[in-house]
Structure formats: structure tokens, C-alpha cells
């Protein structure tokens, strides 16, 4: 079992940090001088992904929604963004059948989590 499949089957404990600062620092250390550029790319791609997810509201687009949520889950976990990864995992699980109102609420929660992640990764205080 790889890292991402293990990550996706385990819910985050309620008292776990929403963003794993240790994981972020480990990633920065392993990436070296490229870390800022890679983090910026992650943030830009995540914003684009969230926009695509926001446009996938029709029942016929749920496959796209599920794929985008899956990709977001994996990317967020890589960057230590536990809460964002958990929200994406939950959306991936329900994407095929979720009603419009709960979908809108979940997308809003993903957007909020993204802004929290962005601030953390860019070193801004909340």
C-alpha cells in the first residue's frame, strides 16, 4: 500500500493539526532552493483545481469532480495540508451521488481550507 492510499483510508483525528508544520518543513528541506517555486505551483494548481470543481455542479460532471477531489487529496497530503486532504477525500467519496446544496457547502469548505493552507505555506499568520 502506498502513502496516498494509506492516507486516504485514515480519518484525521479531531485533535490533529489542520496543517502539519513538521511535514511542510521536511518538504521544504528536501526541495531545497526550489521549495518556494514548488509551493507556489501547488497553490496555483490548487486554485485552478478548485475552480474546475466549482464548475462541475451538474450530475453529468461528477466523474470530473471525483477525479479533481482525488488529485487534490493527494497533493494536499504531500504538502502536509491534512484538513484540505481530508475534505477532498470526503468529497471524492460522495461526488457521484451528492445533492447540489451539500456539494456547494463542501466546495465552500474546501475554499476556506485552501485559504488557510495558502497563508500557512506562504508564512502569513491567520
Protein backbone atom coordinates (compact mmCIF):
# COMPACT_ATOMS: atom_id res chain seq x y z
CA UNK A 1 0.00 0.00 0.00
CA UNK A 2 1.43 3.38 -0.95
CA UNK A 3 1.42 6.59 1.10
CA UNK A 4 -1.62 8.10 -0.58
CA UNK A 5 -3.87 5.07 -0.33
CA UNK A 6 -2.99 4.68 3.34
CA UNK A 7 -3.60 8.39 3.85
CA UNK A 8 -6.98 8.28 2.16
CA UNK A 9 -8.37 5.47 4.31
CA UNK A 10 -7.49 7.04 7.65
CA UNK A 11 -9.55 9.90 9.03
CA UNK A 12 -7.64 12.68 10.70
CA UNK A 13 -8.06 12.77 14.45
CA UNK A 14 -10.07 15.77 15.68
CA UNK A 15 -7.12 17.00 17.75
CA UNK A 16 -4.58 16.62 14.90
CA UNK A 17 -3.21 19.84 13.41
CA UNK A 18 -5.04 21.00 10.30
CA UNK A 19 -1.69 21.75 8.69
CA UNK A 20 1.34 19.63 9.55
CA UNK A 21 4.14 22.17 10.07
CA UNK A 22 6.69 19.38 10.52
CA UNK A 23 5.73 17.90 7.15
CA UNK A 24 5.94 21.30 5.49
CA UNK A 25 9.43 21.88 6.88
CA UNK A 26 10.53 18.38 5.85
CA UNK A 27 9.28 19.08 2.36
CA UNK A 28 11.00 22.48 2.23
CA UNK A 29 14.23 20.88 3.40
CA UNK A 30 14.09 18.10 0.83
CA UNK A 31 13.26 20.50 -2.01
CA UNK A 32 15.97 22.98 -1.09
CA UNK A 33 16.06 26.24 -3.01
CA UNK A 34 13.25 25.05 -5.29
CA UNK A 35 10.75 24.80 -2.41
CA UNK A 36 9.22 28.25 -2.80
CA UNK A 37 8.62 27.76 -6.52
CA UNK A 38 7.11 24.30 -5.98
CA UNK A 39 4.87 25.53 -3.18
CA UNK A 40 3.73 28.40 -5.39
CA UNK A 41 2.95 25.93 -8.18
CA UNK A 42 0.95 23.77 -5.73
CA UNK A 43 -1.05 26.82 -4.64
CA UNK A 44 -1.72 27.94 -8.22
CA UNK A 45 -2.73 24.46 -9.36
CA UNK A 46 -4.95 24.01 -6.31
CA UNK A 47 -6.75 27.28 -7.04
CA UNK A 48 -7.33 26.13 -10.63
CA UNK A 49 -8.49 22.72 -9.42
CA UNK A 50 -10.98 24.32 -7.01
CA UNK A 51 -12.32 26.49 -9.84
CA UNK A 52 -12.83 23.40 -12.03
CA UNK A 53 -14.56 21.66 -9.15
CA UNK A 54 -16.84 24.65 -8.70
CA UNK A 55 -17.92 24.36 -12.32
CA UNK A 56 -18.66 20.61 -12.01
CA UNK A 57 -22.05 21.06 -10.38
CA UNK A 58 -24.15 19.13 -12.91
CA UNK A 59 -24.74 15.41 -12.25
CA UNK A 60 -23.09 14.62 -15.59
CA UNK A 61 -19.83 16.18 -14.37
CA UNK A 62 -19.46 14.15 -11.18
CA UNK A 63 -16.71 11.98 -12.68
CA UNK A 64 -14.62 15.14 -13.18
CA UNK A 65 -15.47 16.26 -9.66
CA UNK A 66 -14.36 12.92 -8.23
CA UNK A 67 -11.07 12.97 -10.19
CA UNK A 68 -10.31 16.53 -9.14
CA UNK A 69 -11.06 15.72 -5.49
CA UNK A 70 -8.80 12.66 -5.70
CA UNK A 71 -5.93 14.69 -7.13
CA UNK A 72 -6.42 17.45 -4.57
CA UNK A 73 -6.42 14.88 -1.75
CA UNK A 74 -3.06 13.51 -2.87
CA UNK A 75 -1.41 16.88 -3.48
CA UNK A 76 -2.65 18.35 -0.19
CA UNK A 77 -1.39 15.32 1.75
CA UNK A 78 2.04 15.70 0.14
CA UNK A 79 2.24 19.30 1.37
CA UNK A 80 1.12 18.47 4.91
CA UNK A 81 -2.29 20.05 4.43
CA UNK A 82 -4.23 17.48 6.42
CA UNK A 83 -7.57 19.25 6.68
CA UNK A 84 -7.68 20.11 2.98
CA UNK A 85 -6.76 16.49 2.12
CA UNK A 86 -9.48 15.16 4.42
CA UNK A 87 -12.14 17.44 2.92
CA UNK A 88 -11.08 16.39 -0.58
CA UNK A 89 -11.18 12.71 0.41
CA UNK A 90 -14.69 13.13 1.76
CA UNK A 91 -15.84 14.87 -1.42
CA UNK A 92 -14.23 12.20 -3.59
CA UNK A 93 -16.22 9.56 -1.71
CA UNK A 94 -19.61 11.26 -2.20
CA UNK A 95 -19.07 13.00 -5.56
CA UNK A 96 -21.14 10.54 -7.62
CA UNK A 97 -24.31 10.99 -5.56
CA UNK A 98 -24.13 14.26 -3.62
CA UNK A 99 -27.01 16.71 -3.98
CA UNK A 100 -26.40 20.27 -5.13
CA UNK A 101 -26.80 22.09 -1.77
CA UNK A 102 -24.41 19.81 0.18
CA UNK A 103 -21.98 19.96 -2.76
CA UNK A 104 -21.96 23.76 -2.62
CA UNK A 105 -21.31 23.63 1.13
CA UNK A 106 -18.42 21.19 0.68
CA UNK A 107 -16.87 23.30 -2.06
CA UNK A 108 -17.12 26.33 0.18
CA UNK A 109 -15.38 24.44 2.99
CA UNK A 110 -12.64 23.40 0.54
CA UNK A 111 -12.18 27.04 -0.45
CA UNK A 112 -11.87 28.09 3.19
CA UNK A 113 -9.34 25.33 3.84
CA UNK A 114 -7.36 26.39 0.77
CA UNK A 115 -7.08 29.96 2.08
CA UNK A 116 -5.86 28.63 5.43
CA UNK A 117 -3.29 26.46 3.63
CA UNK A 118 -2.17 29.34 1.43
CA UNK A 119 -1.50 31.54 4.44
CA UNK A 120 0.41 28.76 6.22
CA UNK A 121 2.55 27.86 3.20
CA UNK A 122 3.35 31.47 2.40
CA UNK A 123 4.27 32.09 6.03
CA UNK A 124 1.45 34.51 6.81
CA UNK A 125 -0.34 34.48 10.11
CA UNK A 126 -4.04 33.66 10.16
